[in-house]
């Protein structure tokens, strides 16, 4: 039997799902959008660890977008 959870990014967007398949120790991430493809296929020890990774990726993406929009100036 499988166990799965929805993983959210920032702003209530769905980042993907994690599924623990029968016999596996961790949760495998399946991205819902291309923004989270960097996590696709990764195995996390807990669903909470996958949630943190999705949040960090969202924050990193947002930071890069802000950096680009101001021309790289600080």
N, C-alpha and C. Protein backbone atom coordinates (compact mmCIF):
# COMPACT_ATOMS: atom_id res chain seq x y z
N UNK A 1 0.84 -1.18 0.00
CA UNK A 1 0.00 0.00 0.00
C UNK A 1 0.88 1.24 0.00
N UNK A 2 0.47 2.27 -0.71
CA UNK A 2 1.22 3.52 -0.82
C UNK A 2 0.71 4.54 0.18
N UNK A 3 1.57 5.50 0.49
CA UNK A 3 1.23 6.61 1.37
C UNK A 3 1.67 7.87 0.65
N UNK A 4 0.79 8.87 0.49
CA UNK A 4 1.16 10.06 -0.25
C UNK A 4 0.62 11.33 0.37
N UNK A 5 1.30 12.44 0.04
CA UNK A 5 0.93 13.75 0.57
C UNK A 5 1.13 14.81 -0.51
N UNK A 6 0.30 15.82 -0.50
CA UNK A 6 0.48 16.98 -1.36
C UNK A 6 1.51 17.90 -0.73
N UNK A 7 2.40 18.43 -1.55
CA UNK A 7 3.43 19.35 -1.08
C UNK A 7 3.15 20.72 -1.71
N UNK A 8 3.09 21.74 -0.88
CA UNK A 8 2.82 23.09 -1.35
C UNK A 8 4.10 23.90 -1.45
N UNK A 9 4.12 24.78 -2.43
CA UNK A 9 5.18 25.78 -2.52
C UNK A 9 4.71 27.00 -1.76
N UNK A 10 5.16 28.15 -2.15
CA UNK A 10 4.69 29.40 -1.55
C UNK A 10 3.38 29.82 -2.20
N UNK A 11 2.65 30.70 -1.54
CA UNK A 11 1.40 31.25 -2.06
C UNK A 11 0.38 30.18 -2.40
N UNK A 12 0.33 29.12 -1.63
CA UNK A 12 -0.64 28.04 -1.79
C UNK A 12 -0.61 27.35 -3.15
N UNK A 13 0.53 27.44 -3.85
CA UNK A 13 0.65 26.71 -5.10
C UNK A 13 1.04 25.27 -4.79
N UNK A 14 0.56 24.34 -5.58
CA UNK A 14 0.92 22.94 -5.39
C UNK A 14 2.26 22.70 -6.07
N UNK A 15 3.23 22.25 -5.30
CA UNK A 15 4.57 21.97 -5.84
C UNK A 15 4.62 20.57 -6.42
N UNK A 16 3.90 19.65 -5.78
CA UNK A 16 3.90 18.27 -6.23
C UNK A 16 3.33 17.37 -5.15
N UNK A 17 3.64 16.10 -5.28
CA UNK A 17 3.24 15.13 -4.28
C UNK A 17 4.45 14.29 -3.90
N UNK A 18 4.41 13.74 -2.72
CA UNK A 18 5.40 12.74 -2.32
C UNK A 18 4.65 11.45 -2.04
N UNK A 19 5.27 10.37 -2.45
CA UNK A 19 4.65 9.06 -2.26
C UNK A 19 5.68 8.11 -1.68
N UNK A 20 5.27 7.39 -0.66
CA UNK A 20 6.09 6.31 -0.14
C UNK A 20 5.44 5.03 -0.65
N UNK A 21 6.15 4.37 -1.52
CA UNK A 21 5.65 3.13 -2.10
C UNK A 21 5.94 1.98 -1.15
N UNK A 22 5.16 0.94 -1.22
CA UNK A 22 5.35 -0.23 -0.37
C UNK A 22 6.79 -0.71 -0.44
N UNK A 23 7.40 -0.89 0.71
CA UNK A 23 8.76 -1.38 0.79
C UNK A 23 9.83 -0.31 0.72
N UNK A 24 9.49 0.93 0.39
CA UNK A 24 10.47 2.01 0.35
C UNK A 24 10.55 2.69 1.71
N UNK A 25 11.72 3.24 2.00
CA UNK A 25 11.93 3.90 3.28
C UNK A 25 11.59 5.39 3.23
N UNK A 26 11.74 6.01 2.07
CA UNK A 26 11.52 7.44 1.96
C UNK A 26 10.34 7.78 1.07
N UNK A 27 10.12 9.07 0.88
CA UNK A 27 9.04 9.60 0.07
C UNK A 27 9.63 10.16 -1.23
N UNK A 28 9.15 9.67 -2.36
CA UNK A 28 9.63 10.13 -3.67
C UNK A 28 8.77 11.31 -4.13
N UNK A 29 9.45 12.39 -4.54
CA UNK A 29 8.78 13.62 -4.96
C UNK A 29 8.43 13.54 -6.44
N UNK A 30 7.21 13.95 -6.77
CA UNK A 30 6.74 14.05 -8.16
C UNK A 30 6.25 15.49 -8.35
N UNK A 31 6.94 16.25 -9.20
CA UNK A 31 6.60 17.67 -9.35
C UNK A 31 5.29 17.85 -10.10
N UNK A 32 4.58 18.91 -9.72
CA UNK A 32 3.32 19.26 -10.37
C UNK A 32 3.52 20.32 -11.45
N UNK A 33 4.59 21.10 -11.33
CA UNK A 33 4.87 22.15 -12.31
C UNK A 33 6.37 22.18 -12.59
N UNK A 34 6.71 22.81 -13.71
CA UNK A 34 8.12 22.85 -14.11
C UNK A 34 8.99 23.58 -13.10
N UNK A 35 8.40 24.49 -12.33
CA UNK A 35 9.17 25.23 -11.32
C UNK A 35 9.76 24.32 -10.25
N UNK A 36 9.17 23.14 -10.08
CA UNK A 36 9.64 22.21 -9.05
C UNK A 36 10.28 20.96 -9.64
N UNK A 37 10.57 20.99 -10.92
CA UNK A 37 11.20 19.83 -11.57
C UNK A 37 12.57 19.50 -10.98
N UNK A 38 13.24 20.46 -10.37
CA UNK A 38 14.54 20.20 -9.76
C UNK A 38 14.43 19.19 -8.62
N UNK A 39 13.24 19.07 -8.04
CA UNK A 39 13.03 18.12 -6.94
C UNK A 39 12.46 16.79 -7.43
N UNK A 40 12.01 16.75 -8.68
CA UNK A 40 11.34 15.56 -9.21
C UNK A 40 12.24 14.33 -9.11
N UNK A 41 11.69 13.29 -8.51
CA UNK A 41 12.42 12.04 -8.38
C UNK A 41 13.26 11.93 -7.12
N UNK A 42 13.48 13.03 -6.43
CA UNK A 42 14.27 12.98 -5.20
C UNK A 42 13.50 12.22 -4.12
N UNK A 43 14.23 11.52 -3.29
CA UNK A 43 13.62 10.77 -2.19
C UNK A 43 13.97 11.49 -0.89
N UNK A 44 12.95 11.77 -0.10
CA UNK A 44 13.10 12.47 1.17
C UNK A 44 12.75 11.53 2.31
N UNK A 45 13.41 11.70 3.44
CA UNK A 45 13.19 10.84 4.59
C UNK A 45 11.77 11.00 5.12
N UNK A 46 11.28 12.24 5.12
CA UNK A 46 9.92 12.51 5.60
C UNK A 46 9.21 13.42 4.60
N UNK A 47 7.89 13.45 4.68
CA UNK A 47 7.12 14.38 3.86
C UNK A 47 7.44 15.83 4.26
N UNK A 48 7.70 16.04 5.54
CA UNK A 48 8.05 17.38 6.02
C UNK A 48 9.37 17.86 5.40
N UNK A 49 10.31 16.96 5.20
CA UNK A 49 11.58 17.33 4.56
C UNK A 49 11.34 17.76 3.12
N UNK A 50 10.44 17.10 2.43
CA UNK A 50 10.09 17.49 1.06
C UNK A 50 9.41 18.85 1.06
N UNK A 51 8.55 19.10 2.05
CA UNK A 51 7.88 20.39 2.16
C UNK A 51 8.90 21.51 2.35
N UNK A 52 9.89 21.29 3.21
CA UNK A 52 10.93 22.29 3.43
C UNK A 52 11.72 22.55 2.15
N UNK A 53 12.04 21.49 1.42
CA UNK A 53 12.80 21.64 0.17
C UNK A 53 12.01 22.44 -0.86
N UNK A 54 10.72 22.19 -0.95
CA UNK A 54 9.88 22.93 -1.89
C UNK A 54 9.80 24.40 -1.49
N UNK A 55 9.69 24.66 -0.20
CA UNK A 55 9.65 26.04 0.29
C UNK A 55 10.98 26.75 -0.01
N UNK A 56 12.09 26.08 0.24
CA UNK A 56 13.40 26.67 -0.03
C UNK A 56 13.59 26.95 -1.52
N UNK A 57 13.13 26.04 -2.37
CA UNK A 57 13.23 26.25 -3.81
C UNK A 57 12.39 27.45 -4.24
N UNK A 58 11.20 27.57 -3.67
CA UNK A 58 10.34 28.73 -3.96
C UNK A 58 11.02 30.03 -3.55
N UNK A 59 11.60 30.03 -2.36
CA UNK A 59 12.28 31.23 -1.87
C UNK A 59 13.47 31.58 -2.76
N UNK A 60 14.23 30.58 -3.16
CA UNK A 60 15.38 30.81 -4.04
C UNK A 60 14.92 31.38 -5.39
N UNK A 61 13.87 30.81 -5.94
CA UNK A 61 13.34 31.28 -7.22
C UNK A 61 12.87 32.73 -7.11
N UNK A 62 12.16 33.04 -6.02
CA UNK A 62 11.65 34.39 -5.81
C UNK A 62 12.82 35.38 -5.65
N UNK A 63 13.85 34.97 -4.93
CA UNK A 63 15.03 35.81 -4.73
C UNK A 63 15.71 36.12 -6.06
N UNK A 64 15.84 35.11 -6.91
CA UNK A 64 16.45 35.32 -8.22
C UNK A 64 15.62 36.26 -9.08
N UNK A 65 14.29 36.13 -9.01
CA UNK A 65 13.42 37.00 -9.79
C UNK A 65 13.55 38.45 -9.32
N UNK A 66 13.62 38.66 -8.02
CA UNK A 66 13.78 40.02 -7.50
C UNK A 66 15.13 40.60 -7.90
N UNK A 67 16.16 39.76 -7.87
CA UNK A 67 17.49 40.20 -8.25
C UNK A 67 17.52 40.63 -9.72
N UNK A 68 16.86 39.88 -10.57
CA UNK A 68 16.80 40.22 -12.00
C UNK A 68 16.01 41.49 -12.24
N UNK A 69 14.91 41.68 -11.50
CA UNK A 69 14.05 42.82 -11.74
C UNK A 69 14.69 44.15 -11.34
N UNK A 70 15.66 44.11 -10.42
CA UNK A 70 16.32 45.36 -10.04
C UNK A 70 17.66 45.53 -10.77
N UNK A 71 17.87 44.72 -11.80
CA UNK A 71 19.09 44.85 -12.59
C UNK A 71 20.33 44.37 -11.88
N UNK A 72 20.14 43.59 -10.83
CA UNK A 72 21.30 43.07 -10.10
C UNK A 72 21.83 44.04 -9.07
N UNK A 73 21.17 45.19 -8.91
CA UNK A 73 21.62 46.19 -7.92
C UNK A 73 21.06 45.83 -6.56
N UNK A 74 21.80 46.21 -5.56
CA UNK A 74 21.34 46.01 -4.18
C UNK A 74 21.22 47.31 -3.47
